Amino acid sequence: MNFKQFGVLLSISTILGLNVIATKVLAEEPSITFGDAIGSGGCIVDDQLVGEDGRSLSIVLDNFSAFSGDRKRCILRVQTFIPSGFIVQNVQVLYQGTTDIDSKSKGTSLSRTYSFSGGALGQAVAPPKTSKFTSSKAFAEQDEITVIAATGLCSGGGQGLLGINLTAQSSSGSSIFVDTADINAGDVILSFDLKRC
């Protein structure tokens, strides 16, 4: 879809940070191995690229937007393999986007919830978040997620699944795009910081 026709583009940039705190100096910072990111419900993962630091992943979304009263849902799932001797600590998620809102419109919103499964990720502690937009603008919203380590987790790393559930809602006369099909769009960026057991 050509978003320039609508004069609006919403790009989501998600940054998930999990800091590495070591009890001794490490010669090299640990890397996370990522499986394929999967999008369902109302979005498609078009591409993904692992960052140079080995703890970040850029995910390019496609086909996720809501126009004039629509509600669209996107379910993202990312398989992770945490290195032995490390656990996830905290997560920061940054969303960037754009909304186009008519003066008579009630606006748009972007809601999100998080879930972690698998011992290597621990348990996410974050209430559901909703950002409401009542004027046309570019926005940047950051969520802070505390991670509680599972009991016995320090036996060393392992597999985990990160879930992000997004809902884009528009009212009559408004549009919100969470889609990176346009060259000017952003993407979803997950950055993990780890803590040594």
Protein backbone atom coordinates (compact mmCIF):
# COMPACT_ATOMS: atom_id res chain seq x y z
CA MET A 1 0.00 0.00 0.00
CA ASN A 2 1.31 3.48 -0.84
CA PHE A 3 1.03 5.42 2.38
CA LYS A 4 2.01 8.67 0.75
CA GLN A 5 -1.49 8.74 -0.76
CA PHE A 6 -2.85 9.21 2.73
CA GLY A 7 -0.14 11.65 3.82
CA VAL A 8 0.42 9.56 6.92
CA LEU A 9 2.85 6.94 7.89
CA LEU A 10 3.19 5.18 11.18
CA SER A 11 6.40 3.43 11.84
CA ILE A 12 7.02 1.41 14.92
CA SER A 13 10.41 1.14 16.38
CA THR A 14 10.58 -1.19 19.28
CA ILE A 15 13.63 -1.40 21.43
CA LEU A 16 13.85 -4.15 23.95
CA GLY A 17 16.85 -3.68 26.18
CA LEU A 18 18.25 -6.28 28.54
CA ASN A 19 21.50 -5.03 30.19
CA VAL A 20 24.56 -7.20 30.64
CA ILE A 21 25.93 -6.98 34.18
CA ALA A 22 28.82 -9.37 34.77
CA THR A 23 30.40 -10.38 38.08
CA LYS A 24 33.77 -10.38 36.32
CA VAL A 25 35.15 -8.71 33.23
CA LEU A 26 34.17 -10.52 30.07
CA ALA A 27 36.47 -10.63 27.07
CA GLU A 28 33.42 -10.44 24.84
CA GLU A 29 29.80 -9.47 25.51
CA PRO A 30 27.33 -12.34 25.07
CA SER A 31 25.12 -12.64 22.00
CA ILE A 32 21.57 -13.87 21.72
CA THR A 33 20.53 -16.23 18.94
CA PHE A 34 17.19 -15.25 17.41
CA GLY A 35 14.75 -17.54 15.64
CA ASP A 36 12.37 -16.26 12.99
CA ALA A 37 10.06 -13.45 14.12
CA ILE A 38 6.43 -14.30 13.35
CA GLY A 39 3.60 -11.81 12.84
CA SER A 40 -0.06 -12.80 12.81
CA GLY A 41 -3.52 -11.39 13.34
CA GLY A 42 -3.13 -8.31 11.15
CA CYS A 43 0.54 -7.90 10.36
CA ILE A 44 3.27 -9.65 8.44
CA VAL A 45 6.96 -9.78 9.31
CA ASP A 46 8.53 -8.74 6.02
CA ASP A 47 12.18 -9.03 7.09
CA GLN A 48 14.48 -9.18 10.12
CA LEU A 49 18.11 -8.29 10.72
CA VAL A 50 20.30 -9.08 13.73
CA GLY A 51 22.28 -6.06 15.00
CA GLU A 52 26.06 -5.92 15.18
CA ASP A 53 25.94 -6.16 19.00
CA GLY A 54 24.36 -9.62 18.83
CA ARG A 55 21.61 -8.57 21.25
CA SER A 56 19.31 -6.59 18.99
CA LEU A 57 16.93 -7.55 16.22
CA SER A 58 15.25 -5.26 13.68
CA ILE A 59 11.88 -6.50 12.48
CA VAL A 60 10.26 -4.95 9.41
CA LEU A 61 6.45 -5.08 9.58
CA ASP A 62 4.05 -4.98 6.66
CA ASN A 63 0.26 -4.78 6.36
CA PHE A 64 -0.55 -3.24 9.76
CA SER A 65 -2.63 -0.05 9.64
CA ALA A 66 -6.06 1.19 10.72
CA PHE A 67 -8.20 3.67 8.78
CA SER A 68 -11.30 5.66 9.73
CA GLY A 69 -12.86 3.49 12.43
CA ASP A 70 -10.84 0.31 11.83
CA ARG A 71 -9.22 -1.72 14.57
CA LYS A 72 -6.22 -3.85 13.62
CA ARG A 73 -4.33 -6.34 15.78
CA CYS A 74 -0.76 -7.57 15.41
CA ILE A 75 0.68 -10.48 17.35
CA LEU A 76 4.48 -10.64 17.24
CA ARG A 77 6.42 -13.65 18.53
CA VAL A 78 10.21 -13.85 18.65
CA GLN A 79 12.10 -17.01 19.61
CA THR A 80 15.27 -16.29 21.61
CA PHE A 81 18.17 -18.44 22.78
CA ILE A 82 19.91 -16.85 25.78
CA PRO A 83 23.60 -17.81 26.27
CA SER A 84 24.56 -20.11 29.13
CA GLY A 85 25.18 -18.31 32.43
CA PHE A 86 22.98 -15.27 31.62
CA ILE A 87 19.41 -14.15 32.30
CA VAL A 88 17.31 -11.29 30.95
CA GLN A 89 17.09 -8.28 33.29
CA ASN A 90 15.03 -5.33 32.01
CA VAL A 91 13.37 -4.52 28.70
CA GLN A 92 12.77 -1.16 27.06
CA VAL A 93 10.40 -0.97 24.09
CA LEU A 94 10.30 2.17 21.93
CA TYR A 95 7.46 2.76 19.48
CA GLN A 96 7.68 5.50 16.88
CA GLY A 97 4.92 6.35 14.47
CA THR A 98 2.66 8.89 12.86
CA THR A 99 -1.05 9.56 13.05
CA ASP A 100 -3.30 11.58 10.73
CA ILE A 101 -6.34 12.95 12.53
CA ASP A 102 -9.14 15.16 11.23
CA SER A 103 -10.18 18.00 13.57
CA LYS A 104 -13.60 16.38 14.13
CA SER A 105 -12.15 12.92 14.83
CA LYS A 106 -11.77 11.30 18.26
CA GLY A 107 -8.24 10.24 17.31
CA THR A 108 -6.27 7.01 17.35
CA SER A 109 -4.61 4.73 19.87
CA LEU A 110 -1.88 2.13 20.08
CA SER A 111 -2.26 -0.51 22.80
CA ARG A 112 0.28 -3.18 23.72
CA THR A 113 0.84 -6.04 26.12
CA TYR A 114 3.86 -8.26 26.64
CA SER A 115 4.42 -11.89 27.51
CA PHE A 116 7.55 -13.96 28.07
CA SER A 117 7.57 -17.73 28.11
CA GLY A 118 10.44 -20.09 28.69
CA GLY A 119 12.70 -19.94 31.72
CA ALA A 120 15.52 -18.05 30.01
CA LEU A 121 13.36 -14.93 29.76
CA GLY A 122 11.86 -15.02 33.25
CA GLN A 123 8.53 -13.28 33.88
CA ALA A 124 7.57 -9.88 32.44
CA VAL A 125 6.18 -7.36 34.89
CA ALA A 126 4.40 -4.69 32.87
CA PRO A 127 0.77 -3.55 32.92
CA PRO A 128 -1.01 -3.16 29.56
CA LYS A 129 -0.10 0.16 27.92
CA THR A 130 -2.23 2.42 25.70
CA SER A 131 -1.15 5.64 24.01
CA LYS A 132 -3.91 7.91 22.68
CA PHE A 133 -3.36 10.49 19.95
CA THR A 134 -5.78 13.37 19.30
CA SER A 135 -3.76 15.36 16.79
CA SER A 136 -1.76 14.57 13.66
CA LYS A 137 1.85 14.06 14.62
CA ALA A 138 4.85 11.79 14.77
CA PHE A 139 5.18 10.13 18.16
CA ALA A 140 7.66 8.14 20.23
CA GLU A 141 6.43 6.04 23.16
CA GLN A 142 8.76 4.01 25.38
CA ASP A 143 7.70 1.19 27.70
CA GLU A 144 9.84 -0.05 30.58
CA ILE A 145 9.44 -3.72 31.49
CA THR A 146 10.93 -5.31 34.59
CA VAL A 147 11.86 -8.98 34.27
CA ILE A 148 11.73 -11.31 37.28
CA ALA A 149 14.07 -14.29 36.93
CA ALA A 150 12.50 -17.71 37.27
CA THR A 151 13.66 -19.95 40.14
CA GLY A 152 16.68 -22.07 39.22
CA LEU A 153 17.24 -20.03 36.06
CA CYS A 154 20.96 -19.55 36.67
CA SER A 155 21.70 -23.09 35.61
CA GLY A 156 22.42 -21.33 32.37
CA GLY A 157 20.57 -19.63 29.54
CA GLY A 158 18.13 -21.43 27.32
CA GLN A 159 15.22 -20.89 25.01
CA GLY A 160 12.46 -18.31 25.46
CA LEU A 161 9.63 -16.74 23.50
CA LEU A 162 8.91 -13.01 23.59
CA GLY A 163 5.34 -11.99 22.75
CA ILE A 164 4.14 -8.48 21.86
CA ASN A 165 0.44 -7.93 21.24
CA LEU A 166 -0.36 -4.65 19.48
CA THR A 167 -3.73 -3.08 18.69
CA ALA A 168 -4.04 -0.03 16.43
CA GLN A 169 -7.42 1.71 16.73
CA SER A 170 -8.70 4.59 14.59
CA SER A 171 -11.90 6.59 14.79
CA SER A 172 -13.81 8.14 11.91
CA GLY A 173 -11.59 10.67 10.14
CA SER A 174 -8.32 9.29 11.54
CA SER A 175 -5.60 6.90 10.42
CA ILE A 176 -2.73 5.13 12.13
CA PHE A 177 -0.06 3.15 10.27
CA VAL A 178 2.09 0.47 11.82
CA ASP A 179 3.55 -0.61 8.53
CA THR A 180 6.99 -0.31 7.03
CA ALA A 181 6.16 -0.86 3.38
CA ASP A 182 7.07 2.76 2.64
CA ILE A 183 10.74 3.67 2.33
CA ASN A 184 10.41 6.35 5.04
CA ALA A 185 8.99 3.96 7.62
CA GLY A 186 10.78 2.57 10.64
CA ASP A 187 10.77 -0.93 12.05
CA VAL A 188 10.54 -2.84 15.31
CA ILE A 189 13.89 -3.00 17.10
CA LEU A 190 14.43 -5.41 19.98
CA SER A 191 17.60 -4.88 22.04
CA PHE A 192 18.39 -7.31 24.85
CA ASP A 193 20.59 -6.63 27.88
CA LEU A 194 21.63 -9.60 29.97
CA LYS A 195 22.71 -10.20 33.56
CA ARG A 196 25.26 -12.83 34.52
CA CYS A 197 23.90 -15.44 36.97
